[in-house]
N, C-alpha and C. Protein backbone atom coordinates (compact mmCIF):
# COMPACT_ATOMS: atom_id res chain seq x y z
N MET A 1 13.74 -77.45 -3.05
CA MET A 1 14.08 -76.54 -1.97
C MET A 1 14.03 -77.29 -0.64
N ALA A 2 15.00 -77.07 0.20
CA ALA A 2 15.07 -77.75 1.49
C ALA A 2 13.95 -77.24 2.41
N GLU A 3 13.44 -78.15 3.20
CA GLU A 3 12.39 -77.81 4.17
C GLU A 3 13.04 -77.10 5.35
N ASP A 4 12.49 -75.95 5.77
CA ASP A 4 13.07 -75.25 6.91
C ASP A 4 12.70 -75.96 8.21
N PHE A 5 13.40 -75.59 9.27
CA PHE A 5 13.27 -76.27 10.56
C PHE A 5 11.83 -76.26 11.07
N ASN A 6 11.20 -75.07 11.13
CA ASN A 6 9.84 -74.98 11.65
C ASN A 6 8.86 -75.78 10.80
N SER A 7 9.02 -75.71 9.48
CA SER A 7 8.12 -76.47 8.60
C SER A 7 8.27 -77.96 8.84
N ARG A 8 9.49 -78.43 9.07
CA ARG A 8 9.71 -79.85 9.36
C ARG A 8 9.02 -80.26 10.66
N VAL A 9 9.17 -79.44 11.70
CA VAL A 9 8.55 -79.76 12.98
C VAL A 9 7.03 -79.78 12.86
N ILE A 10 6.47 -78.81 12.16
CA ILE A 10 5.01 -78.76 11.96
C ILE A 10 4.54 -79.99 11.20
N ARG A 11 5.25 -80.35 10.14
CA ARG A 11 4.89 -81.53 9.35
C ARG A 11 4.96 -82.80 10.20
N GLU A 12 6.05 -82.98 10.95
CA GLU A 12 6.19 -84.16 11.81
C GLU A 12 5.06 -84.21 12.84
N PHE A 13 4.76 -83.08 13.46
CA PHE A 13 3.70 -83.01 14.46
C PHE A 13 2.38 -83.50 13.87
N ARG A 14 2.04 -82.99 12.72
CA ARG A 14 0.74 -83.33 12.10
C ARG A 14 0.72 -84.75 11.53
N GLU A 15 1.83 -85.22 11.01
CA GLU A 15 1.87 -86.57 10.43
C GLU A 15 1.97 -87.66 11.49
N ASN A 16 2.44 -87.33 12.69
CA ASN A 16 2.71 -88.34 13.72
C ASN A 16 1.91 -88.12 15.00
N ASP A 17 0.70 -87.55 14.85
CA ASP A 17 -0.21 -87.39 15.98
C ASP A 17 0.45 -86.68 17.16
N GLY A 18 1.18 -85.59 16.85
CA GLY A 18 1.75 -84.76 17.90
C GLY A 18 3.16 -85.11 18.32
N LYS A 19 3.73 -86.15 17.75
CA LYS A 19 5.11 -86.53 18.09
C LYS A 19 6.06 -85.96 17.04
N VAL A 20 7.20 -85.43 17.51
CA VAL A 20 8.21 -84.89 16.60
C VAL A 20 9.57 -85.47 16.97
N GLY A 21 10.53 -85.31 16.05
CA GLY A 21 11.88 -85.82 16.28
C GLY A 21 12.78 -84.80 16.95
N GLU A 22 14.06 -85.08 16.87
CA GLU A 22 15.07 -84.23 17.50
C GLU A 22 14.97 -82.80 17.00
N PRO A 23 15.18 -81.82 17.84
CA PRO A 23 15.62 -81.93 19.23
C PRO A 23 14.46 -81.99 20.24
N PHE A 24 13.24 -82.27 19.76
CA PHE A 24 12.06 -82.21 20.63
C PHE A 24 11.45 -83.58 20.94
N THR A 25 12.16 -84.65 20.66
CA THR A 25 11.62 -86.00 20.86
C THR A 25 11.05 -86.15 22.27
N GLY A 26 9.77 -86.54 22.34
CA GLY A 26 9.13 -86.81 23.62
C GLY A 26 8.75 -85.59 24.44
N LEU A 27 8.96 -84.40 23.91
CA LEU A 27 8.66 -83.18 24.68
C LEU A 27 7.28 -82.64 24.32
N PRO A 28 6.63 -81.96 25.26
CA PRO A 28 5.35 -81.32 24.98
C PRO A 28 5.51 -80.22 23.94
N MET A 29 4.73 -80.29 22.88
CA MET A 29 4.82 -79.33 21.79
C MET A 29 3.45 -78.71 21.52
N ILE A 30 3.50 -77.47 21.01
CA ILE A 30 2.28 -76.76 20.67
C ILE A 30 2.51 -76.03 19.34
N LEU A 31 1.54 -76.13 18.47
CA LEU A 31 1.56 -75.34 17.23
C LEU A 31 0.63 -74.16 17.47
N VAL A 32 1.22 -72.98 17.51
CA VAL A 32 0.47 -71.76 17.81
C VAL A 32 0.13 -71.07 16.50
N HIS A 33 -1.16 -70.93 16.22
CA HIS A 33 -1.62 -70.17 15.07
C HIS A 33 -1.66 -68.71 15.51
N HIS A 34 -1.18 -67.82 14.67
CA HIS A 34 -1.21 -66.39 15.01
C HIS A 34 -1.33 -65.58 13.74
N VAL A 35 -1.98 -64.43 13.88
CA VAL A 35 -2.22 -63.55 12.74
C VAL A 35 -1.26 -62.38 12.84
N GLY A 36 -0.58 -62.09 11.73
CA GLY A 36 0.38 -61.00 11.70
C GLY A 36 -0.23 -59.69 12.15
N ALA A 37 0.41 -59.03 13.11
CA ALA A 37 -0.10 -57.76 13.65
C ALA A 37 -0.21 -56.70 12.56
N ARG A 38 0.71 -56.71 11.61
CA ARG A 38 0.68 -55.73 10.52
C ARG A 38 0.17 -56.34 9.22
N SER A 39 0.61 -57.56 8.94
CA SER A 39 0.28 -58.16 7.63
C SER A 39 -1.11 -58.78 7.58
N GLY A 40 -1.62 -59.24 8.73
CA GLY A 40 -2.89 -59.96 8.75
C GLY A 40 -2.77 -61.38 8.24
N THR A 41 -1.56 -61.83 7.95
CA THR A 41 -1.31 -63.17 7.45
C THR A 41 -1.29 -64.17 8.59
N GLU A 42 -2.00 -65.31 8.42
CA GLU A 42 -1.97 -66.35 9.45
C GLU A 42 -0.69 -67.15 9.32
N ARG A 43 -0.08 -67.40 10.46
CA ARG A 43 1.14 -68.19 10.53
C ARG A 43 0.97 -69.25 11.61
N VAL A 44 1.86 -70.24 11.59
CA VAL A 44 1.88 -71.29 12.62
C VAL A 44 3.32 -71.42 13.09
N THR A 45 3.51 -71.42 14.41
CA THR A 45 4.84 -71.55 14.98
C THR A 45 4.85 -72.72 15.96
N PRO A 46 5.82 -73.65 15.81
CA PRO A 46 5.94 -74.75 16.77
C PRO A 46 6.78 -74.31 17.97
N LEU A 47 6.30 -74.63 19.16
CA LEU A 47 6.99 -74.24 20.39
C LEU A 47 6.86 -75.33 21.45
N ARG A 48 7.76 -75.31 22.42
CA ARG A 48 7.59 -76.09 23.63
C ARG A 48 6.52 -75.41 24.47
N TRP A 49 5.82 -76.19 25.29
CA TRP A 49 4.89 -75.58 26.23
C TRP A 49 5.13 -76.16 27.61
N PHE A 50 4.70 -75.39 28.63
CA PHE A 50 4.85 -75.78 30.02
C PHE A 50 3.52 -75.57 30.72
N ALA A 51 3.10 -76.55 31.50
CA ALA A 51 1.81 -76.48 32.18
C ALA A 51 1.86 -75.49 33.34
N ASP A 52 0.77 -74.73 33.48
CA ASP A 52 0.58 -73.88 34.65
C ASP A 52 -0.92 -73.83 34.89
N GLY A 53 -1.41 -74.66 35.79
CA GLY A 53 -2.85 -74.78 36.00
C GLY A 53 -3.49 -75.27 34.71
N ASP A 54 -4.52 -74.55 34.24
CA ASP A 54 -5.20 -74.92 33.00
C ASP A 54 -4.56 -74.31 31.76
N SER A 55 -3.48 -73.59 31.95
CA SER A 55 -2.86 -72.87 30.84
C SER A 55 -1.62 -73.59 30.30
N TYR A 56 -1.34 -73.30 29.04
CA TYR A 56 -0.14 -73.76 28.36
C TYR A 56 0.77 -72.55 28.23
N VAL A 57 1.90 -72.56 28.92
CA VAL A 57 2.80 -71.40 28.90
C VAL A 57 3.85 -71.59 27.81
N ILE A 58 4.03 -70.54 27.01
CA ILE A 58 5.05 -70.52 25.97
C ILE A 58 6.05 -69.41 26.27
N VAL A 59 7.27 -69.60 25.82
CA VAL A 59 8.38 -68.71 26.16
C VAL A 59 8.83 -67.95 24.92
N ALA A 60 8.82 -66.62 25.00
CA ALA A 60 9.24 -65.78 23.87
C ALA A 60 10.74 -65.52 23.94
N SER A 61 11.52 -66.59 23.95
CA SER A 61 12.97 -66.47 24.14
C SER A 61 13.71 -66.04 22.88
N LYS A 62 13.24 -66.49 21.73
CA LYS A 62 13.94 -66.27 20.45
C LYS A 62 15.42 -66.63 20.61
N ALA A 63 15.65 -67.74 21.35
CA ALA A 63 16.99 -68.28 21.59
C ALA A 63 17.95 -67.25 22.19
N GLY A 64 17.41 -66.31 22.96
CA GLY A 64 18.24 -65.31 23.62
C GLY A 64 18.58 -64.10 22.77
N ALA A 65 17.87 -63.94 21.66
CA ALA A 65 18.10 -62.76 20.80
C ALA A 65 17.72 -61.48 21.55
N PRO A 66 18.21 -60.33 21.09
CA PRO A 66 17.92 -59.08 21.79
C PRO A 66 16.49 -58.57 21.63
N ASP A 67 15.72 -59.15 20.70
CA ASP A 67 14.34 -58.71 20.50
C ASP A 67 13.39 -59.89 20.62
N ASN A 68 12.12 -59.59 20.80
CA ASN A 68 11.10 -60.62 20.94
C ASN A 68 10.75 -61.22 19.58
N PRO A 69 10.31 -62.47 19.57
CA PRO A 69 9.91 -63.10 18.30
C PRO A 69 8.65 -62.45 17.73
N ALA A 70 8.49 -62.54 16.42
CA ALA A 70 7.32 -61.95 15.75
C ALA A 70 6.02 -62.50 16.32
N TRP A 71 5.99 -63.80 16.63
CA TRP A 71 4.74 -64.38 17.14
C TRP A 71 4.30 -63.74 18.44
N TYR A 72 5.24 -63.26 19.26
CA TYR A 72 4.89 -62.58 20.51
C TYR A 72 4.08 -61.32 20.20
N HIS A 73 4.56 -60.50 19.26
CA HIS A 73 3.86 -59.27 18.89
C HIS A 73 2.49 -59.60 18.28
N ASN A 74 2.44 -60.66 17.49
CA ASN A 74 1.17 -61.06 16.87
C ASN A 74 0.15 -61.48 17.91
N LEU A 75 0.57 -62.24 18.92
CA LEU A 75 -0.37 -62.67 19.97
C LEU A 75 -0.78 -61.51 20.87
N LYS A 76 0.11 -60.54 21.07
CA LYS A 76 -0.26 -59.36 21.86
C LYS A 76 -1.34 -58.57 21.11
N ALA A 77 -1.23 -58.48 19.79
CA ALA A 77 -2.20 -57.73 18.98
C ALA A 77 -3.49 -58.51 18.76
N ASN A 78 -3.40 -59.84 18.69
CA ASN A 78 -4.55 -60.71 18.42
C ASN A 78 -4.52 -61.89 19.38
N PRO A 79 -4.96 -61.68 20.63
CA PRO A 79 -4.77 -62.71 21.66
C PRO A 79 -5.67 -63.95 21.55
N ASP A 80 -6.76 -63.87 20.81
CA ASP A 80 -7.63 -65.03 20.65
C ASP A 80 -7.17 -65.82 19.42
N THR A 81 -6.85 -67.10 19.64
CA THR A 81 -6.28 -67.88 18.55
C THR A 81 -6.58 -69.36 18.73
N VAL A 82 -5.95 -70.17 17.90
CA VAL A 82 -6.12 -71.62 17.91
C VAL A 82 -4.75 -72.25 18.12
N VAL A 83 -4.73 -73.36 18.85
CA VAL A 83 -3.50 -74.12 19.05
C VAL A 83 -3.75 -75.59 18.75
N GLU A 84 -2.68 -76.27 18.38
CA GLU A 84 -2.66 -77.73 18.29
C GLU A 84 -1.66 -78.17 19.34
N VAL A 85 -2.08 -79.03 20.28
CA VAL A 85 -1.27 -79.35 21.46
C VAL A 85 -1.04 -80.85 21.57
N SER A 86 0.18 -81.20 21.98
CA SER A 86 0.53 -82.59 22.27
C SER A 86 1.43 -82.62 23.50
N ASP A 87 1.31 -83.69 24.28
CA ASP A 87 2.20 -83.86 25.43
C ASP A 87 3.53 -84.49 25.01
N GLY A 88 3.67 -84.78 23.72
CA GLY A 88 4.91 -85.33 23.19
C GLY A 88 4.93 -86.84 23.05
N THR A 89 3.93 -87.50 23.62
CA THR A 89 3.89 -88.97 23.55
C THR A 89 2.88 -89.47 22.54
N GLY A 90 2.19 -88.55 21.89
CA GLY A 90 1.19 -88.91 20.90
C GLY A 90 -0.19 -88.48 21.33
N GLY A 91 -0.99 -88.11 20.36
CA GLY A 91 -2.33 -87.61 20.65
C GLY A 91 -2.31 -86.10 20.68
N ALA A 92 -2.83 -85.49 19.65
CA ALA A 92 -2.86 -84.03 19.57
C ALA A 92 -4.30 -83.55 19.59
N GLU A 93 -4.51 -82.41 20.23
CA GLU A 93 -5.82 -81.77 20.28
C GLU A 93 -5.71 -80.37 19.69
N THR A 94 -6.80 -79.91 19.08
CA THR A 94 -6.87 -78.56 18.53
C THR A 94 -8.01 -77.83 19.22
N PHE A 95 -7.75 -76.62 19.72
CA PHE A 95 -8.80 -75.85 20.39
C PHE A 95 -8.43 -74.37 20.41
N GLN A 96 -9.41 -73.56 20.79
CA GLN A 96 -9.24 -72.10 20.87
C GLN A 96 -8.68 -71.72 22.23
N VAL A 97 -7.82 -70.69 22.22
CA VAL A 97 -7.23 -70.17 23.45
C VAL A 97 -7.23 -68.65 23.43
N ARG A 98 -7.02 -68.10 24.59
CA ARG A 98 -6.74 -66.66 24.73
C ARG A 98 -5.35 -66.53 25.33
N SER A 99 -4.54 -65.67 24.74
CA SER A 99 -3.18 -65.44 25.18
C SER A 99 -3.12 -64.25 26.13
N THR A 100 -2.45 -64.43 27.26
CA THR A 100 -2.20 -63.32 28.18
C THR A 100 -0.75 -63.42 28.65
N GLU A 101 -0.12 -62.27 28.80
CA GLU A 101 1.27 -62.25 29.25
C GLU A 101 1.33 -62.38 30.77
N LEU A 102 2.20 -63.25 31.24
CA LEU A 102 2.41 -63.38 32.68
C LEU A 102 3.34 -62.26 33.13
N THR A 103 3.03 -61.66 34.26
CA THR A 103 3.83 -60.56 34.79
C THR A 103 4.06 -60.76 36.28
N GLY A 104 4.99 -59.99 36.81
CA GLY A 104 5.23 -59.95 38.25
C GLY A 104 5.54 -61.31 38.85
N ALA A 105 4.94 -61.56 40.01
CA ALA A 105 5.20 -62.80 40.75
C ALA A 105 4.77 -64.04 39.97
N ASP A 106 3.68 -63.93 39.19
CA ASP A 106 3.26 -65.08 38.38
C ASP A 106 4.34 -65.45 37.36
N ARG A 107 4.86 -64.45 36.66
CA ARG A 107 5.91 -64.72 35.69
C ARG A 107 7.14 -65.29 36.37
N ASP A 108 7.56 -64.68 37.48
CA ASP A 108 8.76 -65.13 38.18
C ASP A 108 8.63 -66.58 38.65
N ARG A 109 7.47 -66.94 39.17
CA ARG A 109 7.23 -68.31 39.66
C ARG A 109 7.37 -69.32 38.52
N VAL A 110 6.71 -69.04 37.40
CA VAL A 110 6.73 -69.97 36.27
C VAL A 110 8.11 -69.98 35.62
N TRP A 111 8.73 -68.83 35.45
CA TRP A 111 10.04 -68.75 34.81
C TRP A 111 11.09 -69.50 35.62
N THR A 112 11.06 -69.37 36.93
CA THR A 112 12.01 -70.10 37.78
C THR A 112 11.86 -71.60 37.58
N ARG A 113 10.63 -72.08 37.54
CA ARG A 113 10.38 -73.50 37.33
C ARG A 113 10.88 -73.96 35.96
N ILE A 114 10.61 -73.16 34.93
CA ILE A 114 11.06 -73.52 33.58
C ILE A 114 12.58 -73.59 33.53
N LYS A 115 13.25 -72.58 34.06
CA LYS A 115 14.72 -72.55 34.01
C LYS A 115 15.33 -73.68 34.84
N ASP A 116 14.76 -73.98 35.99
CA ASP A 116 15.29 -75.03 36.85
C ASP A 116 15.24 -76.39 36.18
N ASP A 117 14.24 -76.60 35.33
CA ASP A 117 14.07 -77.90 34.67
C ASP A 117 14.61 -77.94 33.24
N ASN A 118 15.04 -76.80 32.70
CA ASN A 118 15.44 -76.71 31.29
C ASN A 118 16.61 -75.75 31.14
N GLU A 119 17.81 -76.25 31.26
CA GLU A 119 19.00 -75.41 31.21
C GLU A 119 19.07 -74.56 29.95
N VAL A 120 18.51 -75.05 28.84
CA VAL A 120 18.57 -74.29 27.59
C VAL A 120 17.91 -72.91 27.76
N PHE A 121 16.81 -72.85 28.51
CA PHE A 121 16.13 -71.56 28.71
C PHE A 121 16.93 -70.65 29.63
N ALA A 122 17.59 -71.21 30.63
CA ALA A 122 18.48 -70.41 31.48
C ALA A 122 19.60 -69.82 30.63
N GLY A 123 20.09 -70.60 29.67
CA GLY A 123 21.13 -70.11 28.76
C GLY A 123 20.64 -68.96 27.89
N TYR A 124 19.40 -69.07 27.42
CA TYR A 124 18.83 -67.98 26.62
C TYR A 124 18.77 -66.70 27.45
N GLU A 125 18.39 -66.82 28.71
CA GLU A 125 18.30 -65.64 29.57
C GLU A 125 19.68 -64.99 29.74
N ARG A 126 20.71 -65.80 29.86
CA ARG A 126 22.07 -65.26 30.01
C ARG A 126 22.55 -64.54 28.76
N LYS A 127 22.01 -64.88 27.60
CA LYS A 127 22.44 -64.29 26.33
C LYS A 127 21.82 -62.92 26.04
N THR A 128 20.78 -62.53 26.78
CA THR A 128 20.06 -61.30 26.44
C THR A 128 19.90 -60.39 27.65
N ASP A 129 19.72 -59.11 27.38
CA ASP A 129 19.46 -58.13 28.44
C ASP A 129 17.97 -57.94 28.67
N ARG A 130 17.13 -58.45 27.76
CA ARG A 130 15.70 -58.23 27.91
C ARG A 130 15.10 -59.27 28.87
N THR A 131 13.96 -58.91 29.44
CA THR A 131 13.18 -59.87 30.21
C THR A 131 12.41 -60.72 29.22
N ILE A 132 12.62 -62.02 29.25
CA ILE A 132 11.98 -62.92 28.29
C ILE A 132 10.51 -63.07 28.68
N PRO A 133 9.61 -62.70 27.79
CA PRO A 133 8.18 -62.79 28.09
C PRO A 133 7.67 -64.24 28.11
N LEU A 134 6.71 -64.46 28.99
CA LEU A 134 5.97 -65.73 29.04
C LEU A 134 4.52 -65.43 28.75
N LEU A 135 3.93 -66.23 27.87
CA LEU A 135 2.50 -66.08 27.55
C LEU A 135 1.76 -67.32 27.98
N ALA A 136 0.66 -67.11 28.67
CA ALA A 136 -0.23 -68.21 29.06
C ALA A 136 -1.33 -68.32 28.03
N LEU A 137 -1.48 -69.51 27.48
CA LEU A 137 -2.55 -69.78 26.51
C LEU A 137 -3.62 -70.58 27.25
N THR A 138 -4.76 -69.94 27.48
CA THR A 138 -5.82 -70.54 28.29
C THR A 138 -6.99 -70.91 27.39
N PRO A 139 -7.43 -72.18 27.44
CA PRO A 139 -8.55 -72.60 26.60
C PRO A 139 -9.77 -71.72 26.83
N ARG A 140 -10.47 -71.42 25.70
CA ARG A 140 -11.68 -70.59 25.76
C ARG A 140 -12.90 -71.50 25.69
């Protein structure tokens, strides 16, 4: 059976001390552990992260889909979790975080910075009518 995209990224991250290949070569990556809001099943999702003070901000873009990704709902239901983090150049750390959704001026400030530096996220925003949520993962 072929390895799916997320499984490949997770495997590369863990086998290469936080470094992964295309399309994320050299980019900051985070493996977010989350527990299913309904199922109670633990899952791991690889995502890009963006620094904001002491927090790691993740984007619930789902590539511009009309609904939020499952991991967003899981983190809203179970905000205390574990992450594996790398700056993309090697060296990964694992630690506990608390997830909180950025809102209002905080969200707008961070979202503008993300879009200005990453056209792909601006494209996702153009594809959907929903406000794309940003979650700050702050070490506990």
